Amino acid sequence: MRDQTPLILAFSLLLAASPGWAGPCEDPTLDTDSGPALEAAAWLVTIPYSAVKGVVALVGGVASIPIYILSLGNEPVTRAVWLPAVSGTFILTPAHLTGKQPIRFLPKCPEG
């Protein structure tokens, strides 16, 4: 197995240089009065949705490392990849299924 030291070092630098990057980029969770069928449906839909969203977050997080390095530490450029990938809706609720709350797969995050 190859030496992973450069990758670990780059990832550590990225995390150390980015306090507060995973800021709030999603709506607050709504408490809805829903029946057990809608809650079960939300969990069933959440399983594949969260798997796909998790892969997108992982790829976006890993991709932001070389972007940060190649942009010579330009945080706004790196945030343009990082925030949409790791922010958003990870767990679907009955409010998402009924349309009371939007599903934000790749949200447009406010800057700052």
PDB file of N, CA and C in Angstrom:
ATOM      1  N   MET A   1       0.837  -1.180   0.000  1.00  0.00           N
ATOM      2  CA  MET A   1       0.000   0.000   0.000  1.00  0.00           C
ATOM      3  C   MET A   1       0.882   1.244   0.000  1.00  0.00           C
ATOM      4  N   ARG A   2       0.453   2.251  -0.748  1.00  0.00           N
ATOM      5  CA  ARG A   2       1.257   3.466  -0.875  1.00  0.00           C
ATOM      6  C   ARG A   2       1.195   4.296   0.391  1.00  0.00           C
ATOM      7  N   ASP A   3       2.181   5.152   0.517  1.00  0.00           N
ATOM      8  CA  ASP A   3       2.226   6.045   1.667  1.00  0.00           C
ATOM      9  C   ASP A   3       1.152   7.125   1.517  1.00  0.00           C
ATOM     10  N   GLN A   4       0.248   7.239   2.476  1.00  0.00           N
ATOM     11  CA  GLN A   4      -0.866   8.181   2.437  1.00  0.00           C
ATOM     12  C   GLN A   4      -0.556   9.484   3.175  1.00  0.00           C
ATOM     13  N   THR A   5       0.691   9.689   3.554  1.00  0.00           N
ATOM     14  CA  THR A   5       1.053  10.862   4.338  1.00  0.00           C
ATOM     15  C   THR A   5       0.725  12.176   3.637  1.00  0.00           C
ATOM     16  N   PRO A   6       1.026  12.352   2.329  1.00  0.00           N
ATOM     17  CA  PRO A   6       0.689  13.637   1.692  1.00  0.00           C
ATOM     18  C   PRO A   6      -0.808  13.927   1.691  1.00  0.00           C
ATOM     19  N   LEU A   7      -1.616  12.919   1.477  1.00  0.00           N
ATOM     20  CA  LEU A   7      -3.060  13.118   1.470  1.00  0.00           C
ATOM     21  C   LEU A   7      -3.565  13.486   2.862  1.00  0.00           C
ATOM     22  N   ILE A   8      -3.062  12.815   3.872  1.00  0.00           N
ATOM     23  CA  ILE A   8      -3.465  13.112   5.243  1.00  0.00           C
ATOM     24  C   ILE A   8      -3.022  14.519   5.636  1.00  0.00           C
ATOM     25  N   LEU A   9      -1.824  14.903   5.235  1.00  0.00           N
ATOM     26  CA  LEU A   9      -1.325  16.244   5.532  1.00  0.00           C
ATOM     27  C   LEU A   9      -2.179  17.304   4.841  1.00  0.00           C
ATOM     28  N   ALA A  10      -2.522  17.081   3.575  1.00  0.00           N
ATOM     29  CA  ALA A  10      -3.343  18.042   2.842  1.00  0.00           C
ATOM     30  C   ALA A  10      -4.722  18.171   3.471  1.00  0.00           C
ATOM     31  N   PHE A  11      -5.298  17.056   3.850  1.00  0.00           N
ATOM     32  CA  PHE A  11      -6.612  17.091   4.475  1.00  0.00           C
ATOM     33  C   PHE A  11      -6.550  17.808   5.824  1.00  0.00           C
ATOM     34  N   SER A  12      -5.492  17.579   6.584  1.00  0.00           N
ATOM     35  CA  SER A  12      -5.330  18.254   7.870  1.00  0.00           C
ATOM     36  C   SER A  12      -5.178  19.759   7.690  1.00  0.00           C
ATOM     37  N   LEU A  13      -4.423  20.159   6.668  1.00  0.00           N
ATOM     38  CA  LEU A  13      -4.274  21.586   6.388  1.00  0.00           C
ATOM     39  C   LEU A  13      -5.605  22.210   6.009  1.00  0.00           C
ATOM     40  N   LEU A  14      -6.381  21.493   5.211  1.00  0.00           N
ATOM     41  CA  LEU A  14      -7.684  21.999   4.798  1.00  0.00           C
ATOM     42  C   LEU A  14      -8.598  22.183   5.997  1.00  0.00           C
ATOM     43  N   LEU A  15      -8.637  21.216   6.878  1.00  0.00           N
ATOM     44  CA  LEU A  15      -9.495  21.315   8.057  1.00  0.00           C
ATOM     45  C   LEU A  15      -9.021  22.411   9.002  1.00  0.00           C
ATOM     46  N   ALA A  16      -7.711  22.545   9.151  1.00  0.00           N
ATOM     47  CA  ALA A  16      -7.175  23.561  10.060  1.00  0.00           C
ATOM     48  C   ALA A  16      -7.414  24.963   9.522  1.00  0.00           C
ATOM     49  N   ALA A  17      -7.415  25.115   8.212  1.00  0.00           N
ATOM     50  CA  ALA A  17      -7.565  26.437   7.610  1.00  0.00           C
ATOM     51  C   ALA A  17      -9.018  26.819   7.377  1.00  0.00           C
ATOM     52  N   SER A  18      -9.952  25.956   7.748  1.00  0.00           N
ATOM     53  CA  SER A  18     -11.341  26.217   7.384  1.00  0.00           C
ATOM     54  C   SER A  18     -12.304  26.172   8.572  1.00  0.00           C
ATOM     55  N   PRO A  19     -12.104  27.010   9.564  1.00  0.00           N
ATOM     56  CA  PRO A  19     -13.067  26.989  10.665  1.00  0.00           C
ATOM     57  C   PRO A  19     -14.403  27.539  10.207  1.00  0.00           C
ATOM     58  N   GLY A  20     -15.460  26.848  10.555  1.00  0.00           N
ATOM     59  CA  GLY A  20     -16.786  27.326  10.242  1.00  0.00           C
ATOM     60  C   GLY A  20     -17.251  27.101   8.828  1.00  0.00           C
ATOM     61  N   TRP A  21     -16.587  26.256   8.060  1.00  0.00           N
ATOM     62  CA  TRP A  21     -16.988  26.052   6.668  1.00  0.00           C
ATOM     63  C   TRP A  21     -18.305  25.318   6.558  1.00  0.00           C
ATOM     64  N   ALA A  22     -18.581  24.446   7.457  1.00  0.00           N
ATOM     65  CA  ALA A  22     -19.827  23.692   7.370  1.00  0.00           C
ATOM     66  C   ALA A  22     -20.935  24.435   8.102  1.00  0.00           C
ATOM     67  N   GLY A  23     -21.072  25.699   7.774  1.00  0.00           N
ATOM     68  CA  GLY A  23     -22.076  26.537   8.404  1.00  0.00           C
ATOM     69  C   GLY A  23     -23.478  26.128   8.011  1.00  0.00           C
ATOM     70  N   PRO A  24     -24.466  26.749   8.633  1.00  0.00           N
ATOM     71  CA  PRO A  24     -25.848  26.366   8.354  1.00  0.00           C
ATOM     72  C   PRO A  24     -26.217  26.699   6.915  1.00  0.00           C
ATOM     73  N   CYS A  25     -26.685  25.721   6.220  1.00  0.00           N
ATOM     74  CA  CYS A  25     -27.052  25.895   4.822  1.00  0.00           C
ATOM     75  C   CYS A  25     -28.332  25.118   4.544  1.00  0.00           C
ATOM     76  N   GLU A  26     -29.130  24.930   5.567  1.00  0.00           N
ATOM     77  CA  GLU A  26     -30.373  24.195   5.400  1.00  0.00           C
ATOM     78  C   GLU A  26     -31.450  24.817   6.271  1.00  0.00           C
ATOM     79  N   ASP A  27     -32.683  24.581   5.861  1.00  0.00           N
ATOM     80  CA  ASP A  27     -33.820  25.066   6.635  1.00  0.00           C
ATOM     81  C   ASP A  27     -33.915  24.289   7.947  1.00  0.00           C
ATOM     82  N   PRO A  28     -34.456  24.912   8.995  1.00  0.00           N
ATOM     83  CA  PRO A  28     -34.665  24.164  10.235  1.00  0.00           C
ATOM     84  C   PRO A  28     -35.709  23.065  10.024  1.00  0.00           C
ATOM     85  N   THR A  29     -35.602  22.013  10.795  1.00  0.00           N
ATOM     86  CA  THR A  29     -36.528  20.901  10.682  1.00  0.00           C
ATOM     87  C   THR A  29     -37.893  21.305  11.225  1.00  0.00           C
ATOM     88  N   LEU A  30     -38.922  21.008  10.446  1.00  0.00           N
ATOM     89  CA  LEU A  30     -40.283  21.299  10.865  1.00  0.00           C
ATOM     90  C   LEU A  30     -40.860  20.099  11.593  1.00  0.00           C
ATOM     91  N   ASP A  31     -41.597  20.367  12.619  1.00  0.00           N
ATOM     92  CA  ASP A  31     -42.279  19.299  13.338  1.00  0.00           C
ATOM     93  C   ASP A  31     -43.683  19.176  12.760  1.00  0.00           C
ATOM     94  N   THR A  32     -43.924  18.111  12.011  1.00  0.00           N
ATOM     95  CA  THR A  32     -45.226  17.929  11.394  1.00  0.00           C
ATOM     96  C   THR A  32     -45.977  16.818  12.099  1.00  0.00           C
ATOM     97  N   ASP A  33     -47.270  16.964  12.106  1.00  0.00           N
ATOM     98  CA  ASP A  33     -48.115  15.929  12.682  1.00  0.00           C
ATOM     99  C   ASP A  33     -48.483  14.974  11.553  1.00  0.00           C
ATOM    100  N   SER A  34     -47.686  13.925  11.393  1.00  0.00           N
ATOM    101  CA  SER A  34     -47.909  12.993  10.297  1.00  0.00           C
ATOM    102  C   SER A  34     -48.173  11.603  10.861  1.00  0.00           C
ATOM    103  N   GLY A  35     -48.814  10.809  10.065  1.00  0.00           N
ATOM    104  CA  GLY A  35     -49.139   9.466  10.494  1.00  0.00           C
ATOM    105  C   GLY A  35     -47.972   8.518  10.365  1.00  0.00           C
ATOM    106  N   PRO A  36     -48.114   7.326  10.905  1.00  0.00           N
ATOM    107  CA  PRO A  36     -47.025   6.354  10.849  1.00  0.00           C
ATOM    108  C   PRO A  36     -46.697   5.913   9.422  1.00  0.00           C
ATOM    109  N   ALA A  37     -47.671   5.908   8.521  1.00  0.00           N
ATOM    110  CA  ALA A  37     -47.402   5.509   7.143  1.00  0.00           C
ATOM    111  C   ALA A  37     -46.472   6.507   6.459  1.00  0.00           C
ATOM    112  N   LEU A  38     -46.709   7.795   6.671  1.00  0.00           N
ATOM    113  CA  LEU A  38     -45.857   8.817   6.062  1.00  0.00           C
ATOM    114  C   LEU A  38     -44.468   8.806   6.684  1.00  0.00           C
ATOM    115  N   GLU A  39     -44.376   8.564   7.973  1.00  0.00           N
ATOM    116  CA  GLU A  39     -43.062   8.479   8.611  1.00  0.00           C
ATOM    117  C   GLU A  39     -42.286   7.256   8.111  1.00  0.00           C
ATOM    118  N   ALA A  40     -42.966   6.138   7.934  1.00  0.00           N
ATOM    119  CA  ALA A  40     -42.305   4.942   7.397  1.00  0.00           C
ATOM    120  C   ALA A  40     -41.854   5.184   5.961  1.00  0.00           C
ATOM    121  N   ALA A  41     -42.684   5.864   5.183  1.00  0.00           N
ATOM    122  CA  ALA A  41     -42.303   6.172   3.800  1.00  0.00           C
ATOM    123  C   ALA A  41     -41.087   7.090   3.771  1.00  0.00           C
ATOM    124  N   ALA A  42     -41.041   8.051   4.687  1.00  0.00           N
ATOM    125  CA  ALA A  42     -39.891   8.962   4.746  1.00  0.00           C
ATOM    126  C   ALA A  42     -38.609   8.194   5.035  1.00  0.00           C
ATOM    127  N   TRP A  43     -38.671   7.232   5.956  1.00  0.00           N
ATOM    128  CA  TRP A  43     -37.473   6.443   6.266  1.00  0.00           C
ATOM    129  C   TRP A  43     -37.076   5.542   5.101  1.00  0.00           C
ATOM    130  N   LEU A  44     -38.060   4.971   4.427  1.00  0.00           N
ATOM    131  CA  LEU A  44     -37.737   4.115   3.281  1.00  0.00           C
ATOM    132  C   LEU A  44     -37.093   4.906   2.152  1.00  0.00           C
ATOM    133  N   VAL A  45     -37.545   6.118   1.928  1.00  0.00           N
ATOM    134  CA  VAL A  45     -36.971   6.958   0.877  1.00  0.00           C
ATOM    135  C   VAL A  45     -35.618   7.516   1.323  1.00  0.00           C
ATOM    136  N   THR A  46     -35.460   7.718   2.621  1.00  0.00           N
ATOM    137  CA  THR A  46     -34.213   8.274   3.145  1.00  0.00           C
ATOM    138  C   THR A  46     -33.024   7.337   2.923  1.00  0.00           C
ATOM    139  N   ILE A  47     -33.256   6.047   2.985  1.00  0.00           N
ATOM    140  CA  ILE A  47     -32.137   5.093   2.879  1.00  0.00           C
ATOM    141  C   ILE A  47     -31.368   5.257   1.568  1.00  0.00           C
ATOM    142  N   PRO A  48     -32.007   5.157   0.394  1.00  0.00           N
ATOM    143  CA  PRO A  48     -31.220   5.355  -0.832  1.00  0.00           C
ATOM    144  C   PRO A  48     -30.799   6.807  -1.036  1.00  0.00           C
ATOM    145  N   TYR A  49     -31.655   7.751  -0.632  1.00  0.00           N
ATOM    146  CA  TYR A  49     -31.320   9.163  -0.795  1.00  0.00           C
ATOM    147  C   TYR A  49     -30.062   9.516  -0.001  1.00  0.00           C
ATOM    148  N   SER A  50     -30.000   9.077   1.253  1.00  0.00           N
ATOM    149  CA  SER A  50     -28.842   9.386   2.094  1.00  0.00           C
ATOM    150  C   SER A  50     -27.573   8.719   1.584  1.00  0.00           C
ATOM    151  N   ALA A  51     -27.711   7.545   0.994  1.00  0.00           N
ATOM    152  CA  ALA A  51     -26.537   6.879   0.427  1.00  0.00           C
ATOM    153  C   ALA A  51     -25.960   7.712  -0.725  1.00  0.00           C
ATOM    154  N   VAL A  52     -26.823   8.186  -1.598  1.00  0.00           N
ATOM    155  CA  VAL A  52     -26.364   9.000  -2.728  1.00  0.00           C
ATOM    156  C   VAL A  52     -25.824  10.336  -2.233  1.00  0.00           C
ATOM    157  N   LYS A  53     -26.531  10.986  -1.319  1.00  0.00           N
ATOM    158  CA  LYS A  53     -26.082  12.270  -0.785  1.00  0.00           C
ATOM    159  C   LYS A  53     -24.755  12.109  -0.045  1.00  0.00           C
ATOM    160  N   GLY A  54     -24.575  10.988   0.655  1.00  0.00           N
ATOM    161  CA  GLY A  54     -23.310  10.729   1.344  1.00  0.00           C
ATOM    162  C   GLY A  54     -22.152  10.591   0.378  1.00  0.00           C
ATOM    163  N   VAL A  55     -22.370   9.931  -0.741  1.00  0.00           N
ATOM    164  CA  VAL A  55     -21.314   9.797  -1.760  1.00  0.00           C
ATOM    165  C   VAL A  55     -20.971  11.168  -2.341  1.00  0.00           C
ATOM    166  N   VAL A  56     -21.992  11.982  -2.617  1.00  0.00           N
ATOM    167  CA  VAL A  56     -21.746  13.326  -3.142  1.00  0.00           C
ATOM    168  C   VAL A  56     -20.960  14.156  -2.126  1.00  0.00           C
ATOM    169  N   ALA A  57     -21.316  14.067  -0.851  1.00  0.00           N
ATOM    170  CA  ALA A  57     -20.601  14.812   0.189  1.00  0.00           C
ATOM    171  C   ALA A  57     -19.154  14.341   0.307  1.00  0.00           C
ATOM    172  N   LEU A  58     -18.955  13.030   0.226  1.00  0.00           N
ATOM    173  CA  LEU A  58     -17.596  12.495   0.307  1.00  0.00           C
ATOM    174  C   LEU A  58     -16.756  12.940  -0.882  1.00  0.00           C
ATOM    175  N   VAL A  59     -17.306  12.833  -2.079  1.00  0.00           N
ATOM    176  CA  VAL A  59     -16.571  13.242  -3.281  1.00  0.00           C
ATOM    177  C   VAL A  59     -16.295  14.743  -3.246  1.00  0.00           C
ATOM    178  N   GLY A  60     -17.289  15.541  -2.850  1.00  0.00           N
ATOM    179  CA  GLY A  60     -17.074  16.977  -2.765  1.00  0.00           C
ATOM    180  C   GLY A  60     -16.039  17.351  -1.723  1.00  0.00           C
ATOM    181  N   GLY A  61     -16.066  16.651  -0.586  1.00  0.00           N
ATOM    182  CA  GLY A  61     -15.075  16.914   0.451  1.00  0.00           C
ATOM    183  C   GLY A  61     -13.675  16.551   0.015  1.00  0.00           C
ATOM    184  N   VAL A  62     -13.534  15.414  -0.641  1.00  0.00           N
ATOM    185  CA  VAL A  62     -12.211  14.985  -1.116  1.00  0.00           C
ATOM    186  C   VAL A  62     -11.746  15.872  -2.270  1.00  0.00           C
ATOM    187  N   ALA A  63     -12.662  16.248  -3.154  1.00  0.00           N
ATOM    188  CA  ALA A  63     -12.294  17.095  -4.294  1.00  0.00           C
ATOM    189  C   ALA A  63     -11.867  18.488  -3.845  1.00  0.00           C
ATOM    190  N   SER A  64     -12.372  18.948  -2.715  1.00  0.00           N
ATOM    191  CA  SER A  64     -12.007  20.283  -2.254  1.00  0.00           C
ATOM    192  C   SER A  64     -10.557  20.361  -1.770  1.00  0.00           C
ATOM    193  N   ILE A  65      -9.963  19.232  -1.447  1.00  0.00           N
ATOM    194  CA  ILE A  65      -8.565  19.241  -0.988  1.00  0.00           C
ATOM    195  C   ILE A  65      -7.617  19.699  -2.092  1.00  0.00           C
ATOM    196  N   PRO A  66      -7.604  19.036  -3.275  1.00  0.00           N
ATOM    197  CA  PRO A  66      -6.700  19.538  -4.318  1.00  0.00           C
ATOM    198  C   PRO A  66      -7.107  20.917  -4.838  1.00  0.00           C
ATOM    199  N   ILE A  67      -8.385  21.240  -4.789  1.00  0.00           N
ATOM    200  CA  ILE A  67      -8.811  22.579  -5.213  1.00  0.00           C
ATOM    201  C   ILE A  67      -8.213  23.624  -4.279  1.00  0.00           C
ATOM    202  N   TYR A  68      -8.227  23.353  -2.994  1.00  0.00           N
ATOM    203  CA  TYR A  68      -7.634  24.270  -2.024  1.00  0.00           C
ATOM    204  C   TYR A  68      -6.132  24.419  -2.266  1.00  0.00           C
ATOM    205  N   ILE A  69      -5.477  23.323  -2.519  1.00  0.00           N
ATOM    206  CA  ILE A  69      -4.027  23.360  -2.744  1.00  0.00           C
ATOM    207  C   ILE A  69      -3.695  24.065  -4.053  1.00  0.00           C
ATOM    208  N   LEU A  70      -4.388  23.697  -5.133  1.00  0.00           N
ATOM    209  CA  LEU A  70      -4.102  24.283  -6.440  1.00  0.00           C
ATOM    210  C   LEU A  70      -4.488  25.760  -6.522  1.00  0.00           C
ATOM    211  N   SER A  71      -5.468  26.176  -5.726  1.00  0.00           N
ATOM    212  CA  SER A  71      -5.855  27.590  -5.731  1.00  0.00           C
ATOM    213  C   SER A  71      -5.027  28.401  -4.731  1.00  0.00           C
ATOM    214  N   LEU A  72      -4.009  27.771  -4.170  1.00  0.00           N
ATOM    215  CA  LEU A  72      -3.093  28.412  -3.224  1.00  0.00           C
ATOM    216  C   LEU A  72      -3.825  28.966  -2.001  1.00  0.00           C
ATOM    217  N   GLY A  73      -4.753  28.168  -1.507  1.00  0.00           N
ATOM    218  CA  GLY A  73      -5.449  28.527  -0.285  1.00  0.00           C
ATOM    219  C   GLY A  73      -6.594  29.504  -0.474  1.00  0.00           C
ATOM    220  N   ASN A  74      -7.116  29.612  -1.672  1.00  0.00           N
ATOM    221  CA  ASN A  74      -8.232  30.514  -1.932  1.00  0.00           C
ATOM    222  C   ASN A  74      -9.512  29.898  -1.372  1.00  0.00           C
ATOM    223  N   GLU A  75      -9.926  30.356  -0.198  1.00  0.00           N
ATOM    224  CA  GLU A  75     -11.075  29.762   0.478  1.00  0.00           C
ATOM    225  C   GLU A  75     -12.398  29.942  -0.258  1.00  0.00           C
ATOM    226  N   PRO A  76     -12.693  31.096  -0.856  1.00  0.00           N
ATOM    227  CA  PRO A  76     -13.971  31.207  -1.571  1.00  0.00           C
ATOM    228  C   PRO A  76     -14.107  30.204  -2.722  1.00  0.00           C
ATOM    229  N   VAL A  77     -13.007  29.928  -3.405  1.00  0.00           N
ATOM    230  CA  VAL A  77     -13.053  28.945  -4.489  1.00  0.00           C
ATOM    231  C   VAL A  77     -13.315  27.555  -3.922  1.00  0.00           C
ATOM    232  N   THR A  78     -12.650  27.235  -2.850  1.00  0.00           N
ATOM    233  CA  THR A  78     -12.831  25.920  -2.239  1.00  0.00           C
ATOM    234  C   THR A  78     -14.215  25.779  -1.628  1.00  0.00           C
ATOM    235  N   ARG A  79     -14.719  26.842  -1.024  1.00  0.00           N
ATOM    236  CA  ARG A  79     -16.070  26.801  -0.458  1.00  0.00           C
ATOM    237  C   ARG A  79     -17.135  26.558  -1.515  1.00  0.00           C
ATOM    238  N   ALA A  80     -16.876  27.029  -2.734  1.00  0.00           N
ATOM    239  CA  ALA A  80     -17.843  26.822  -3.814  1.00  0.00           C
ATOM    240  C   ALA A  80     -18.047  25.338  -4.099  1.00  0.00           C
ATOM    241  N   VAL A  81     -17.062  24.512  -3.794  1.00  0.00           N
ATOM    242  CA  VAL A  81     -17.181  23.064  -3.940  1.00  0.00           C
ATOM    243  C   VAL A  81     -17.613  22.436  -2.624  1.00  0.00           C
ATOM    244  N   TRP A  82     -16.999  22.869  -1.546  1.00  0.00           N
ATOM    245  CA  TRP A  82     -17.198  22.248  -0.235  1.00  0.00           C
ATOM    246  C   TRP A  82     -18.630  22.394   0.280  1.00  0.00           C
ATOM    247  N   LEU A  83     -19.112  23.624   0.376  1.00  0.00           N
ATOM    248  CA  LEU A  83     -20.402  23.862   1.020  1.00  0.00           C
ATOM    249  C   LEU A  83     -21.583  23.178   0.332  1.00  0.00           C
ATOM    250  N   PRO A  84     -21.751  23.300  -0.973  1.00  0.00           N
ATOM    251  CA  PRO A  84     -22.894  22.599  -1.574  1.00  0.00           C
ATOM    252  C   PRO A  84     -22.819  21.087  -1.417  1.00  0.00           C
ATOM    253  N   ALA A  85     -21.617  20.548  -1.432  1.00  0.00           N
ATOM    254  CA  ALA A  85     -21.479  19.090  -1.338  1.00  0.00           C
ATOM    255  C   ALA A  85     -21.788  18.576   0.059  1.00  0.00           C
ATOM    256  N   VAL A  86     -21.287  19.240   1.082  1.00  0.00           N
ATOM    257  CA  VAL A  86     -21.446  18.706   2.441  1.00  0.00           C
ATOM    258  C   VAL A  86     -22.643  19.285   3.175  1.00  0.00           C
ATOM    259  N   SER A  87     -23.301  20.284   2.616  1.00  0.00           N
ATOM    260  CA  SER A  87     -24.483  20.879   3.245  1.00  0.00           C
ATOM    261  C   SER A  87     -25.735  20.340   2.573  1.00  0.00           C
ATOM    262  N   GLY A  88     -26.836  20.683   3.137  1.00  0.00           N
ATOM    263  CA  GLY A  88     -28.106  20.303   2.537  1.00  0.00           C
ATOM    264  C   GLY A  88     -28.842  19.257   3.344  1.00  0.00           C
ATOM    265  N   THR A  89     -29.814  18.673   2.713  1.00  0.00           N
ATOM    266  CA  THR A  89     -30.675  17.695   3.361  1.00  0.00           C
ATOM    267  C   THR A  89     -30.049  16.311   3.280  1.00  0.00           C
ATOM    268  N   PHE A  90     -29.837  15.673   4.410  1.00  0.00           N
ATOM    269  CA  PHE A  90     -29.316  14.309   4.438  1.00  0.00           C
ATOM    270  C   PHE A  90     -30.394  13.307   4.815  1.00  0.00           C
ATOM    271  N   ILE A  91     -31.350  13.720   5.638  1.00  0.00           N
ATOM    272  CA  ILE A  91     -32.422  12.828   6.080  1.00  0.00           C
ATOM    273  C   ILE A  91     -33.756  13.438   5.674  1.00  0.00           C
ATOM    274  N   LEU A  92     -34.546  12.670   4.967  1.00  0.00           N
ATOM    275  CA  LEU A  92     -35.856  13.140   4.537  1.00  0.00           C
ATOM    276  C   LEU A  92     -36.881  12.904   5.641  1.00  0.00           C
ATOM    277  N   THR A  93     -37.732  13.883   5.834  1.00  0.00           N
ATOM    278  CA  THR A  93     -38.775  13.811   6.852  1.00  0.00           C
ATOM    279  C   THR A  93     -40.139  13.855   6.169  1.00  0.00           C
ATOM    280  N   PRO A  94     -41.207  13.598   6.915  1.00  0.00           N
ATOM    281  CA  PRO A  94     -42.539  13.751   6.322  1.00  0.00           C
ATOM    282  C   PRO A  94     -42.784  15.156   5.763  1.00  0.00           C
ATOM    283  N   ALA A  95     -42.170  16.179   6.363  1.00  0.00           N
ATOM    284  CA  ALA A  95     -42.318  17.540   5.842  1.00  0.00           C
ATOM    285  C   ALA A  95     -41.729  17.664   4.443  1.00  0.00           C
ATOM    286  N   HIS A  96     -40.646  16.962   4.177  1.00  0.00           N
ATOM    287  CA  HIS A  96     -40.071  16.957   2.824  1.00  0.00           C
ATOM    288  C   HIS A  96     -41.003  16.264   1.845  1.00  0.00           C
ATOM    289  N   LEU A  97     -41.580  15.157   2.261  1.00  0.00           N
ATOM    290  CA  LEU A  97     -42.438  14.391   1.359  1.00  0.00           C
ATOM    291  C   LEU A  97     -43.749  15.108   1.056  1.00  0.00           C
ATOM    292  N   THR A  98     -44.239  15.901   1.982  1.00  0.00           N
ATOM    293  CA  THR A  98     -45.493  16.623   1.753  1.00  0.00           C
ATOM    294  C   THR A  98     -45.277  17.981   1.107  1.00  0.00           C
ATOM    295  N   GLY A  99     -44.030  18.390   0.919  1.00  0.00           N
ATOM    296  CA  GLY A  99     -43.741  19.666   0.267  1.00  0.00           C
ATOM    297  C   GLY A  99     -43.732  20.858   1.202  1.00  0.00           C
ATOM    298  N   LYS A 100     -43.836  20.637   2.496  1.00  0.00           N
ATOM    299  CA  LYS A 100     -43.801  21.739   3.465  1.00  0.00           C
ATOM    300  C   LYS A 100     -42.382  22.261   3.664  1.00  0.00           C
ATOM    301  N   GLN A 101     -41.422  21.437   3.345  1.00  0.00           N
ATOM    302  CA  GLN A 101     -40.020  21.819   3.468  1.00  0.00           C
ATOM    303  C   GLN A 101     -39.306  21.348   2.202  1.00  0.00           C
ATOM    304  N   PRO A 102     -38.475  22.203   1.589  1.00  0.00           N
ATOM    305  CA  PRO A 102     -37.797  21.798   0.359  1.00  0.00           C
ATOM    306  C   PRO A 102     -36.668  20.800   0.623  1.00  0.00           C
ATOM    307  N   ILE A 103     -36.423  19.944  -0.344  1.00  0.00           N
ATOM    308  CA  ILE A 103     -35.279  19.028  -0.298  1.00  0.00           C
ATOM    309  C   ILE A 103     -34.115  19.742  -0.965  1.00  0.00           C
ATOM    310  N   ARG A 104     -33.058  19.953  -0.225  1.00  0.00           N
ATOM    311  CA  ARG A 104     -31.890  20.669  -0.757  1.00  0.00           C
ATOM    312  C   ARG A 104     -30.745  19.679  -0.937  1.00  0.00           C
ATOM    313  N   PHE A 105     -30.644  19.131  -2.147  1.00  0.00           N
ATOM    314  CA  PHE A 105     -29.587  18.161  -2.433  1.00  0.00           C
ATOM    315  C   PHE A 105     -28.250  18.878  -2.593  1.00  0.00           C
ATOM    316  N   LEU A 106     -28.188  19.878  -3.443  1.00  0.00           N
ATOM    317  CA  LEU A 106     -26.997  20.720  -3.606  1.00  0.00           C
ATOM    318  C   LEU A 106     -27.451  22.165  -3.386  1.00  0.00           C
ATOM    319  N   PRO A 107     -27.496  22.603  -2.145  1.00  0.00           N
ATOM    320  CA  PRO A 107     -28.046  23.946  -1.869  1.00  0.00           C
ATOM    321  C   PRO A 107     -27.123  25.051  -2.319  1.00  0.00           C
ATOM    322  N   LYS A 108     -27.715  26.181  -2.608  1.00  0.00           N
ATOM    323  CA  LYS A 108     -26.941  27.396  -2.869  1.00  0.00           C
ATOM    324  C   LYS A 108     -26.760  28.067  -1.512  1.00  0.00           C
ATOM    325  N   CYS A 109     -25.553  27.994  -0.994  1.00  0.00           N
ATOM    326  CA  CYS A 109     -25.273  28.487   0.347  1.00  0.00           C
ATOM    327  C   CYS A 109     -24.937  29.967   0.312  1.00  0.00           C
ATOM    328  N   PRO A 110     -25.392  30.716   1.306  1.00  0.00           N
ATOM    329  CA  PRO A 110     -25.013  32.135   1.366  1.00  0.00           C
ATOM    330  C   PRO A 110     -23.529  32.255   1.673  1.00  0.00           C
ATOM    331  N   GLU A 111     -22.901  33.230   1.075  1.00  0.00           N
ATOM    332  CA  GLU A 111     -21.475  33.453   1.291  1.00  0.00           C
ATOM    333  C   GLU A 111     -21.289  34.256   2.559  1.00  0.00           C
ATOM    334  N   GLY A 112     -20.271  33.881   3.321  1.00  0.00           N
ATOM    335  CA  GLY A 112     -19.950  34.672   4.510  1.00  0.00           C
ATOM    336  C   GLY A 112     -20.272  33.991   5.783  1.00  0.00           C
TER     337      GLY A 112
END
